Protein backbone atom coordinates (compact mmCIF):
# COMPACT_ATOMS: atom_id res chain seq x y z
CA UNK A 1 0.00 0.00 0.00
CA UNK A 2 1.26 3.47 -0.91
CA UNK A 3 1.12 5.91 2.01
CA UNK A 4 1.26 9.68 2.28
CA UNK A 5 4.59 9.30 4.08
CA UNK A 6 6.10 7.61 1.01
CA UNK A 7 4.84 10.42 -1.22
CA UNK A 8 6.32 12.97 1.22
CA UNK A 9 9.67 11.15 1.15
CA UNK A 10 9.67 10.82 -2.64
CA UNK A 11 9.40 14.58 -3.12
CA UNK A 12 12.62 15.02 -1.13
CA UNK A 13 14.43 11.84 -2.18
CA UNK A 14 12.98 8.99 -4.31
CA UNK A 15 15.95 6.83 -3.33
CA UNK A 16 14.83 6.86 0.31
CA UNK A 17 11.53 5.28 -0.74
CA UNK A 18 13.44 2.57 -2.61
CA UNK A 19 15.80 1.88 0.29
CA UNK A 20 12.94 1.73 2.79
CA UNK A 21 11.23 -0.87 0.62
CA UNK A 22 14.13 -3.01 -0.52
CA UNK A 23 17.38 -2.41 1.39
CA UNK A 24 18.47 -4.41 4.43
CA UNK A 25 17.33 -2.45 7.52
CA UNK A 26 20.64 -3.28 9.25
CA UNK A 27 22.29 -0.74 6.91
CA UNK A 28 20.37 2.12 8.54
CA UNK A 29 22.07 4.57 10.86
CA UNK A 30 21.24 4.47 14.55
CA UNK A 31 18.20 6.55 15.52
CA UNK A 32 19.02 10.26 15.41
CA UNK A 33 18.22 11.98 18.75
CA UNK A 34 17.15 15.16 16.95
CA UNK A 35 14.78 13.28 14.64
CA UNK A 36 13.31 11.52 17.67
CA UNK A 37 12.91 14.91 19.36
CA UNK A 38 11.06 16.24 16.29
CA UNK A 39 8.73 13.26 16.43
CA UNK A 40 7.99 13.74 20.13
CA UNK A 41 7.47 17.48 19.64
CA UNK A 42 5.11 16.73 16.78
CA UNK A 43 3.08 14.35 18.91
CA UNK A 44 2.84 16.88 21.76
CA UNK A 45 1.87 19.69 19.40
CA UNK A 46 -0.76 17.57 17.68
CA UNK A 47 -2.36 16.70 21.01
CA UNK A 48 -2.50 20.37 22.03
CA UNK A 49 -4.14 21.31 18.75
CA UNK A 50 -6.57 18.38 18.95
CA UNK A 51 -7.75 19.53 22.36
CA UNK A 52 -8.59 22.95 20.89
CA UNK A 53 -10.63 21.56 17.99
CA UNK A 54 -14.34 20.61 17.97
CA UNK A 55 -13.63 16.94 17.15
CA UNK A 56 -16.85 14.93 16.95
CA UNK A 57 -15.36 11.49 16.24
CA UNK A 58 -11.95 10.40 17.57
CA UNK A 59 -10.60 7.41 15.66
CA UNK A 60 -7.40 7.32 17.72
CA UNK A 61 -9.47 5.56 20.38
CA UNK A 62 -10.30 2.75 17.93
CA UNK A 63 -8.12 -0.32 17.39
CA UNK A 64 -6.02 -0.09 14.21
CA UNK A 65 -7.72 -3.07 12.58
CA UNK A 66 -11.15 -1.48 13.08
CA UNK A 67 -10.24 2.09 12.25
CA UNK A 68 -11.21 2.17 8.58
CA UNK A 69 -14.60 0.59 9.26
CA UNK A 70 -15.30 3.07 12.05
CA UNK A 71 -14.05 6.01 9.96
CA UNK A 72 -16.44 5.14 7.16
CA UNK A 73 -19.25 4.74 9.69
CA UNK A 74 -18.49 8.18 11.14
CA UNK A 75 -18.53 9.68 7.64
CA UNK A 76 -21.84 7.97 6.90
CA UNK A 77 -23.21 9.67 10.04
CA UNK A 78 -21.90 13.00 8.69
CA UNK A 79 -19.69 13.65 11.72
CA UNK A 80 -18.46 17.24 11.45
CA UNK A 81 -14.80 16.67 12.32
CA UNK A 82 -13.10 13.27 12.45
CA UNK A 83 -9.68 12.88 14.06
CA UNK A 84 -7.14 10.26 12.98
CA UNK A 85 -9.31 8.46 10.45
CA UNK A 86 -8.08 5.77 8.08
CA UNK A 87 -9.17 5.11 4.49
CA UNK A 88 -7.95 2.87 1.68
CA UNK A 89 -8.61 2.72 -2.05
CA UNK A 90 -6.92 0.25 -4.35
CA UNK A 91 -3.19 0.45 -3.60
CA UNK A 92 -3.53 3.68 -1.57
CA UNK A 93 -3.79 4.12 2.17
CA UNK A 94 -4.30 7.42 3.97
CA UNK A 95 -4.47 8.45 7.62
CA UNK A 96 -5.21 12.18 7.64
CA UNK A 97 -5.12 13.91 10.99
CA UNK A 98 -8.50 15.48 10.25
CA UNK A 99 -11.50 14.90 8.01
CA UNK A 100 -13.81 17.90 7.93
CA UNK A 101 -17.35 17.76 6.58
CA UNK A 102 -18.03 20.38 3.93
CA UNK A 103 -21.39 20.17 2.23
CA UNK A 104 -22.03 16.53 1.40
CA UNK A 105 -18.37 15.49 1.38
CA UNK A 106 -15.14 15.72 3.29
CA UNK A 107 -11.85 17.58 2.91
CA UNK A 108 -8.64 16.44 4.66
CA UNK A 109 -6.43 18.37 7.02
CA UNK A 110 -3.10 17.75 8.71
CA UNK A 111 -1.73 19.17 11.95
CA UNK A 112 1.84 20.38 11.46
CA UNK A 113 4.34 21.43 14.10
CA UNK A 114 6.17 23.64 11.61
CA UNK A 115 5.13 26.61 9.53
CA UNK A 116 2.27 25.96 7.15
CA UNK A 117 4.03 27.79 4.32
CA UNK A 118 7.50 28.15 2.84
CA UNK A 119 8.86 31.68 3.14
CA UNK A 120 7.22 34.68 4.69
CA UNK A 121 4.71 37.41 3.94
CA UNK A 122 3.83 37.94 0.25
CA UNK A 123 6.53 35.53 -0.93
CA UNK A 124 5.21 32.58 1.09
CA UNK A 125 3.97 29.57 -0.85
CA UNK A 126 2.62 26.11 -0.12
CA UNK A 127 5.08 23.51 1.15
CA UNK A 128 5.43 20.87 -1.53
CA UNK A 129 5.80 17.95 0.89
CA UNK A 130 2.66 19.03 2.76
CA UNK A 131 0.80 19.54 -0.53
CA UNK A 132 1.46 16.03 -1.82
CA UNK A 133 0.42 14.42 1.46
CA UNK A 134 -2.87 16.31 1.45
CA UNK A 135 -3.39 15.54 -2.25
CA UNK A 136 -2.95 11.86 -1.43
CA UNK A 137 -5.84 12.02 1.02
CA UNK A 138 -7.95 13.97 -1.46
CA UNK A 139 -7.44 11.30 -4.13
CA UNK A 140 -8.55 8.55 -1.74
CA UNK A 141 -11.64 10.59 -0.84
CA UNK A 142 -12.42 11.07 -4.54
CA UNK A 143 -11.97 7.40 -5.38
CA UNK A 144 -14.22 6.33 -2.51
CA UNK A 145 -16.87 8.93 -3.32
CA UNK A 146 -16.42 10.60 0.07
CA UNK A 147 -14.80 13.90 -0.97
CA UNK A 148 -16.49 17.21 -1.67
CA UNK A 149 -15.07 17.44 -5.20
CA UNK A 150 -13.12 20.66 -4.62
CA UNK A 151 -9.61 19.20 -4.32
CA UNK A 152 -9.12 21.51 -1.37
CA UNK A 153 -7.40 20.69 1.93
CA UNK A 154 -5.83 22.50 4.86
CA UNK A 155 -2.96 22.43 7.32
CA UNK A 156 -3.02 23.68 10.89
CA UNK A 157 0.43 25.08 11.64
CA UNK A 158 2.51 25.46 14.79
CA UNK A 159 0.66 28.68 15.68
CA UNK A 160 -2.69 26.91 15.40
CA UNK A 161 -3.52 28.86 12.23
CA UNK A 162 -5.45 27.23 9.41
CA UNK A 163 -3.58 27.35 6.08
CA UNK A 164 -5.70 26.55 2.98
CA UNK A 165 -4.18 24.17 0.42
CA UNK A 166 -6.07 24.58 -2.87
CA UNK A 167 -4.50 21.84 -4.95
CA UNK A 168 -5.95 23.03 -8.28
CA UNK A 169 -3.86 26.20 -8.10
CA UNK A 170 -0.50 26.57 -9.90
CA UNK A 171 2.65 26.01 -7.88
CA UNK A 172 3.96 29.52 -8.45
CA UNK A 173 3.84 32.67 -10.54
CA UNK A 174 6.24 31.21 -13.09
CA UNK A 175 5.25 27.58 -12.62
CA UNK A 176 1.89 26.77 -14.19
CA UNK A 177 1.89 23.13 -13.04
CA UNK A 178 -0.84 22.63 -10.46
CA UNK A 179 -0.18 21.05 -7.09
CA UNK A 180 -2.52 18.25 -8.13
CA UNK A 181 -0.44 17.47 -11.23
CA UNK A 182 2.71 17.62 -9.12
CA UNK A 183 1.21 15.04 -6.75
CA UNK A 184 0.21 12.80 -9.66
CA UNK A 185 3.85 12.76 -10.83
CA UNK A 186 5.06 11.87 -7.32
CA UNK A 187 2.46 9.11 -7.01
CA UNK A 188 3.46 7.63 -10.37
CA UNK A 189 7.10 7.63 -9.27
CA UNK A 190 6.34 5.85 -5.98
CA UNK A 191 4.24 3.28 -7.83
CA UNK A 192 7.15 2.61 -10.20
CA UNK A 193 9.54 2.23 -7.28
CA UNK A 194 7.17 -0.12 -5.45
CA UNK A 195 6.70 -2.21 -8.61
CA UNK A 196 10.49 -2.17 -9.21
CA UNK A 197 10.06 -0.76 -12.70
CA UNK A 198 12.13 2.33 -11.77
CA UNK A 199 15.66 2.30 -10.44
CA UNK A 200 16.63 5.17 -8.16
CA UNK A 201 20.02 6.60 -7.29
CA UNK A 202 21.16 8.37 -4.15
CA UNK A 203 22.25 12.00 -4.30
CA UNK A 204 24.28 13.94 -1.76
CA UNK A 205 22.42 17.04 -0.58
CA UNK A 206 21.72 19.14 2.50
CA UNK A 207 18.60 17.12 3.38
CA UNK A 208 20.60 13.90 3.70
CA UNK A 209 22.19 14.35 7.11
CA UNK A 210 19.05 13.58 9.13
CA UNK A 211 18.09 10.57 7.00
CA UNK A 212 18.58 7.09 8.46
CA UNK A 213 20.27 6.03 5.19
CA UNK A 214 22.84 8.86 5.22
CA UNK A 215 25.97 6.81 5.99
CA UNK A 216 24.92 4.01 3.64
CA UNK A 217 24.20 6.39 0.75
CA UNK A 218 27.30 8.50 1.20
CA UNK A 219 29.52 5.41 1.21
CA UNK A 220 27.96 4.25 -2.07
CA UNK A 221 28.20 7.70 -3.67
CA UNK A 222 31.87 8.08 -2.75
CA UNK A 223 32.63 4.59 -4.08
CA UNK A 224 30.85 5.44 -7.34
CA UNK A 225 32.49 8.90 -7.58
CA UNK A 226 28.98 10.26 -8.12
CA UNK A 227 28.54 13.73 -9.60
CA UNK A 228 26.49 14.90 -6.60
CA UNK A 229 29.72 14.87 -4.58
CA UNK A 230 30.44 18.18 -6.35
CA UNK A 231 29.40 21.01 -4.01
CA UNK A 232 26.02 22.44 -4.98
CA UNK A 233 25.54 20.07 -7.93
CA UNK A 234 22.42 18.19 -6.87
CA UNK A 235 20.25 15.40 -8.22
CA UNK A 236 18.62 17.30 -11.12
CA UNK A 237 21.95 18.39 -12.65
CA UNK A 238 23.43 14.92 -12.15
CA UNK A 239 20.48 13.34 -13.91
CA UNK A 240 20.68 15.86 -16.77
CA UNK A 241 24.36 14.97 -17.35
CA UNK A 242 24.36 11.30 -16.38
CA UNK A 243 24.21 9.92 -19.93
CA UNK A 244 27.39 11.88 -20.73
CA UNK A 245 29.33 11.79 -17.44
CA UNK A 246 28.98 9.00 -14.89
CA UNK A 247 31.69 10.13 -12.46
CA UNK A 248 33.35 13.25 -11.10
CA UNK A 249 36.57 12.15 -12.78
CA UNK A 250 34.88 11.77 -16.18
CA UNK A 251 33.57 15.31 -15.88
CA UNK A 252 36.87 16.68 -14.57
CA UNK A 253 38.91 15.54 -17.58
CA UNK A 254 36.52 16.95 -20.21
CA UNK A 255 36.63 20.32 -21.96
CA UNK A 256 33.38 21.95 -20.78
CA UNK A 257 33.25 24.28 -23.80
CA UNK A 258 32.70 21.20 -25.98
CA UNK A 259 29.19 21.18 -24.52
CA UNK A 260 28.38 24.84 -25.22
CA UNK A 261 25.53 25.40 -27.67
CA UNK A 262 25.27 29.05 -28.58
CA UNK A 263 24.61 30.90 -25.33
CA UNK A 264 23.48 27.78 -23.46
CA UNK A 265 24.80 24.24 -22.99
CA UNK A 266 23.62 20.87 -24.25
CA UNK A 267 22.48 20.03 -20.69
CA UNK A 268 18.98 21.06 -19.65
CA UNK A 269 18.87 24.09 -17.33
CA UNK A 270 22.67 24.21 -16.83
CA UNK A 271 24.17 27.51 -17.97
CA UNK A 272 27.65 27.97 -19.35
CA UNK A 273 28.81 29.72 -16.18
CA UNK A 274 27.43 26.91 -14.04
CA UNK A 275 29.09 24.25 -16.18
CA UNK A 276 32.46 26.03 -15.86
CA UNK A 277 32.00 26.40 -12.08
CA UNK A 278 31.10 22.77 -11.49
CA UNK A 279 33.87 21.60 -13.82
CA UNK A 280 36.39 23.53 -11.72
CA UNK A 281 35.02 21.87 -8.56
CA UNK A 282 35.21 18.46 -10.22
CA UNK A 283 38.86 19.08 -11.02
CA UNK A 284 39.56 19.98 -7.39
CA UNK A 285 37.89 16.80 -6.14
CA UNK A 286 39.74 14.67 -8.69
CA UNK A 287 43.19 16.10 -8.02
CA UNK A 288 45.18 14.58 -5.19
CA UNK A 289 46.48 17.25 -2.80
CA UNK A 290 44.43 20.01 -4.46
CA UNK A 291 44.22 23.31 -2.59
CA UNK A 292 41.55 25.92 -2.23
CA UNK A 293 41.94 29.04 -4.34
CA UNK A 294 40.44 32.45 -5.05
CA UNK A 295 38.43 32.97 -8.24
CA UNK A 296 38.89 36.73 -7.93
CA UNK A 297 40.61 39.14 -5.56
CA UNK A 298 39.03 39.36 -2.10
CA UNK A 299 39.36 42.45 0.04
CA UNK A 300 38.19 41.80 3.58
CA UNK A 301 37.84 45.01 5.60
CA UNK A 302 40.32 45.59 8.39
CA UNK A 303 39.18 46.97 11.73
CA UNK A 304 40.74 47.00 15.18
CA UNK A 305 38.46 44.17 16.34
CA UNK A 306 36.80 41.22 14.63
CA UNK A 307 33.59 39.56 15.79
CA UNK A 308 32.31 36.14 14.70
CA UNK A 309 28.59 35.73 15.14
CA UNK A 310 26.36 32.60 15.25
CA UNK A 311 22.91 31.90 16.66
CA UNK A 312 21.21 28.70 17.82
CA UNK A 313 17.47 28.42 17.23
CA UNK A 314 14.71 25.85 17.56
CA UNK A 315 12.43 26.23 14.53
CA UNK A 316 9.83 23.88 16.04
CA UNK A 317 9.24 26.20 18.99
CA UNK A 318 10.16 29.27 16.95
CA UNK A 319 12.69 30.47 19.52
CA UNK A 320 16.26 31.76 19.31
CA UNK A 321 17.90 30.51 22.49
CA UNK A 322 21.53 31.53 22.01
CA UNK A 323 23.33 34.43 20.36
CA UNK A 324 27.05 33.68 20.40
CA UNK A 325 29.94 36.02 19.61
CA UNK A 326 33.68 35.50 19.57
CA UNK A 327 35.57 38.77 19.57
CA UNK A 328 39.29 39.19 19.03
CA UNK A 329 41.87 41.72 17.97
CA UNK A 330 42.36 41.77 14.21
CA UNK A 331 44.22 38.64 13.09
CA UNK A 332 45.16 37.65 16.65
CA UNK A 333 43.43 34.36 17.41
CA UNK A 334 45.05 34.17 20.86
CA UNK A 335 42.98 37.18 21.98
CA UNK A 336 39.65 35.46 21.23
CA UNK A 337 36.93 35.86 23.88
CA UNK A 338 33.49 34.22 23.81
CA UNK A 339 30.45 36.41 24.59
CA UNK A 340 27.19 34.40 24.77
CA UNK A 341 23.61 35.51 25.35
CA UNK A 342 21.78 32.36 26.49
CA UNK A 343 18.04 32.01 27.17
CA UNK A 344 17.24 30.01 30.29
CA UNK A 345 13.90 28.79 28.89
CA UNK A 346 11.35 28.94 26.08
CA UNK A 347 9.47 31.82 27.68
CA UNK A 348 9.16 34.83 25.31
CA UNK A 349 10.50 37.08 28.04
CA UNK A 350 13.72 35.03 28.07
CA UNK A 351 14.03 35.20 24.29
CA UNK A 352 13.43 38.95 24.32
CA UNK A 353 16.02 39.47 27.08
CA UNK A 354 18.82 37.67 25.23
CA UNK A 355 17.84 39.34 21.94
CA UNK A 356 18.10 42.74 23.64
CA UNK A 357 21.52 41.85 25.05
CA UNK A 358 22.78 40.62 21.68
CA UNK A 359 21.36 43.65 19.88
CA UNK A 360 23.04 46.08 22.28
CA UNK A 361 26.30 44.14 21.97
CA UNK A 362 26.23 44.38 18.17
CA UNK A 363 25.51 48.12 18.32
CA UNK A 364 28.48 48.64 20.61
CA UNK A 365 30.82 46.71 18.29
CA UNK A 366 29.80 48.33 15.00
CA UNK A 367 32.10 51.32 15.52
CA UNK A 368 35.39 49.47 15.82
CA UNK A 369 34.82 45.95 14.47
CA UNK A 370 34.24 43.87 11.40
CA UNK A 371 31.45 41.41 12.19
CA UNK A 372 31.26 38.09 10.33
CA UNK A 373 28.37 35.64 10.11
CA UNK A 374 27.86 32.64 7.81
CA UNK A 375 24.84 32.77 5.44
CA UNK A 376 21.59 34.71 5.70
CA UNK A 377 20.13 32.76 8.63
CA UNK A 378 21.10 35.33 11.25
CA UNK A 379 19.57 38.19 9.26
CA UNK A 380 16.33 36.24 8.72
CA UNK A 381 16.16 35.39 12.43
CA UNK A 382 16.72 39.02 13.45
CA UNK A 383 13.95 40.19 11.12
CA UNK A 384 11.53 37.81 12.85
CA UNK A 385 12.78 38.80 16.31
CA UNK A 386 12.26 42.48 15.51
CA UNK A 387 8.65 41.75 14.58
CA UNK A 388 8.15 39.80 17.82
CA UNK A 389 9.94 42.31 20.07
CA UNK A 390 9.61 45.82 18.57
CA UNK A 391 10.69 47.34 21.90
CA UNK A 392 14.19 46.00 21.22
CA UNK A 393 14.52 47.30 17.67
CA UNK A 394 12.53 47.91 14.51
CA UNK A 395 12.63 46.02 11.25
CA UNK A 396 14.22 49.06 9.63
CA UNK A 397 17.00 49.00 12.22
CA UNK A 398 17.67 45.32 11.46
CA UNK A 399 17.93 46.12 7.74
CA UNK A 400 20.31 48.98 8.55
CA UNK A 401 22.47 46.73 10.74
CA UNK A 402 22.92 44.04 8.12
CA UNK A 403 23.46 46.61 5.37
CA UNK A 404 26.36 48.11 7.32
CA UNK A 405 29.80 47.70 5.68
CA UNK A 406 30.96 46.32 9.02
CA UNK A 407 28.66 43.27 8.64
CA UNK A 408 30.04 40.55 6.35
CA UNK A 409 28.08 37.51 5.22
CA UNK A 410 31.12 35.30 4.83
CA UNK A 411 29.30 32.60 2.87
CA UNK A 412 27.29 34.57 0.31
CA UNK A 413 29.59 37.58 -0.08
CA UNK A 414 32.95 35.82 0.00
CA UNK A 415 33.05 32.00 -0.02
CA UNK A 416 30.33 31.38 -2.60
CA UNK A 417 31.27 34.33 -4.80
CA UNK A 418 35.04 34.26 -4.76
CA UNK A 419 36.50 30.93 -3.62
CA UNK A 420 36.69 27.25 -4.55
CA UNK A 421 37.49 24.35 -2.21
CA UNK A 422 38.33 20.65 -2.66
CA UNK A 423 35.26 19.61 -0.65
CA UNK A 424 31.80 18.09 -1.03
CA UNK A 425 30.10 21.24 0.26
CA UNK A 426 30.89 24.76 1.46
CA UNK A 427 29.45 24.57 4.97
CA UNK A 428 31.37 26.23 7.78
CA UNK A 429 32.13 22.83 9.30
CA UNK A 430 33.53 21.39 6.08
CA UNK A 431 35.73 24.39 5.30
CA UNK A 432 37.02 24.86 8.86
CA UNK A 433 37.87 21.16 9.11
CA UNK A 434 39.66 21.37 5.77
CA UNK A 435 41.73 24.19 7.31
CA UNK A 436 42.59 22.02 10.32
CA UNK A 437 40.00 23.15 12.88
CA UNK A 438 38.35 20.59 15.17
CA UNK A 439 35.16 20.94 17.20
CA UNK A 440 35.36 19.83 20.82
CA UNK A 441 32.16 17.81 20.45
CA UNK A 442 32.28 14.49 18.60
CA UNK A 443 28.88 15.06 16.90
CA UNK A 444 28.60 18.81 16.37
CA UNK A 445 25.55 20.14 14.53
CA UNK A 446 22.82 22.71 14.90
CA UNK A 447 20.28 19.89 15.07
CA UNK A 448 22.18 18.28 17.93
CA UNK A 449 22.29 21.63 19.77
CA UNK A 450 18.49 21.81 19.68
CA UNK A 451 18.21 18.33 21.17
CA UNK A 452 20.76 19.21 23.86
CA UNK A 453 18.82 22.40 24.70
CA UNK A 454 15.64 20.43 25.24
CA UNK A 455 17.45 18.00 27.50
CA UNK A 456 18.96 20.90 29.45
CA UNK A 457 15.51 22.48 29.92
CA UNK A 458 14.23 19.16 31.27
CA UNK A 459 17.20 18.33 33.50
CA UNK A 460 18.96 21.59 34.36
CA UNK A 461 22.24 19.67 33.98
CA UNK A 462 25.01 22.32 33.76
CA UNK A 463 27.16 19.94 31.69
CA UNK A 464 24.55 19.96 28.92
CA UNK A 465 24.39 23.76 28.95
CA UNK A 466 28.18 23.90 28.71
CA UNK A 467 28.08 21.50 25.77
CA UNK A 468 25.73 23.89 23.94
CA UNK A 469 27.94 26.89 24.72
CA UNK A 470 31.11 25.06 23.66
CA UNK A 471 29.50 24.04 20.39
CA UNK A 472 28.37 27.58 19.62
CA UNK A 473 31.77 29.01 20.57
CA UNK A 474 33.45 26.50 18.26
CA UNK A 475 31.14 27.55 15.41
CA UNK A 476 32.20 31.16 15.97
CA UNK A 477 35.88 30.22 16.20
CA UNK A 478 35.51 28.17 13.01
CA UNK A 479 34.23 31.26 11.21
CA UNK A 480 37.43 33.03 12.24
CA UNK A 481 39.49 30.12 10.97
CA UNK A 482 37.82 30.40 7.56
CA UNK A 483 38.40 34.17 7.50
CA UNK A 484 42.09 33.58 8.25
CA UNK A 485 42.20 30.83 5.65
CA UNK A 486 40.78 33.10 2.96
CA UNK A 487 43.24 35.84 3.90
CA UNK A 488 46.02 33.30 3.48
CA UNK A 489 44.84 32.57 -0.05
């Protein structure tokens, strides 16, 4: 039976669906504490939302083997809101969180512990993995004659807000494919995988690290010298070039201009500039002892002090719990001093207090320091914090801060634009480790920090708090290592 979870997974990685169906489970990684935390948070959030809803039929109280029969009986009675129902149709199975009566039929809804949309404000759009899950339920309702015919659904997000999912609408301004058609493609792919008429391939990407097949897939990809080992390359580009180049080495030894066709290339949606860039990265990966290099001159500003800035946030609870800064005299790593602003709980007052402290710290350092951060995450977080806590600062003040010449986005303004590295990605951890830096923790990651923070809230264990602080300090120090490394180039 094809489930909504499989459709969800296929949108992110079809190979995960294949491995879940056919690979030996002993090849999976051990359970990830952060993934388990997400699951527990999701369960807690769903229960809180359920208690606030006018549920008229609760199928979670019914034994699994009887749930579909009782769901259909509840729908025959025209129950207004059914929780945790189960329906099947042909090879499809669906267990929507909610079934809501609308007219003479039902529409499905899911309770989500994250945001109901991707992006913010006017640029926000439906989340594709939520859309395909909801479409899966809609199809089952249609096939069983129990839907309302509208192909509409909804999600209830972490704020308890209802987010409409109209699946007949196009996916975007420049993408005329409807969400319904997108789901149909995903369903066809999962069917092909389940019937073993389609062979899938792994692909190294940012979503891989929390997957239980990560170690297995990466080992295979490295052994195969797969093109997705090239930083930023991705599954779609690999698939577009796979009939021509099977390995990084094959690509590295070619002349990329052979594949230029007028102003484009012979590969779908890969520009000439992109082909040159990825070819250069392939050459780095294929050359023993290759070194990082500058693609163009880099002029990092010099100030008396340097500050390296990194935050830790829990997107599930929508809270920034740590603003960390390492400050030092210019170019003098021995003078480094860690300045953290740590929230002692999830309470908004705690978040506002540490945001105020961090904001005042940044204002005091602007006059005599160059301040580095890695990617746009900090700016995005500060925009949201300014909306939540306008007494600390305004949105305009946040824009002014990050527009200051003293503020340097090391990833977007320097690393991505002007450097190349013999590495599978350009994350701060990968580049700092390439330059010889080591984190004190054996499993450092932002996801792990969130799990540690939850355990610290529950236990009050000072060792866990120190682990979080050490990790954040190391992230800041690593940013300084990359700055020094780029200066050395």
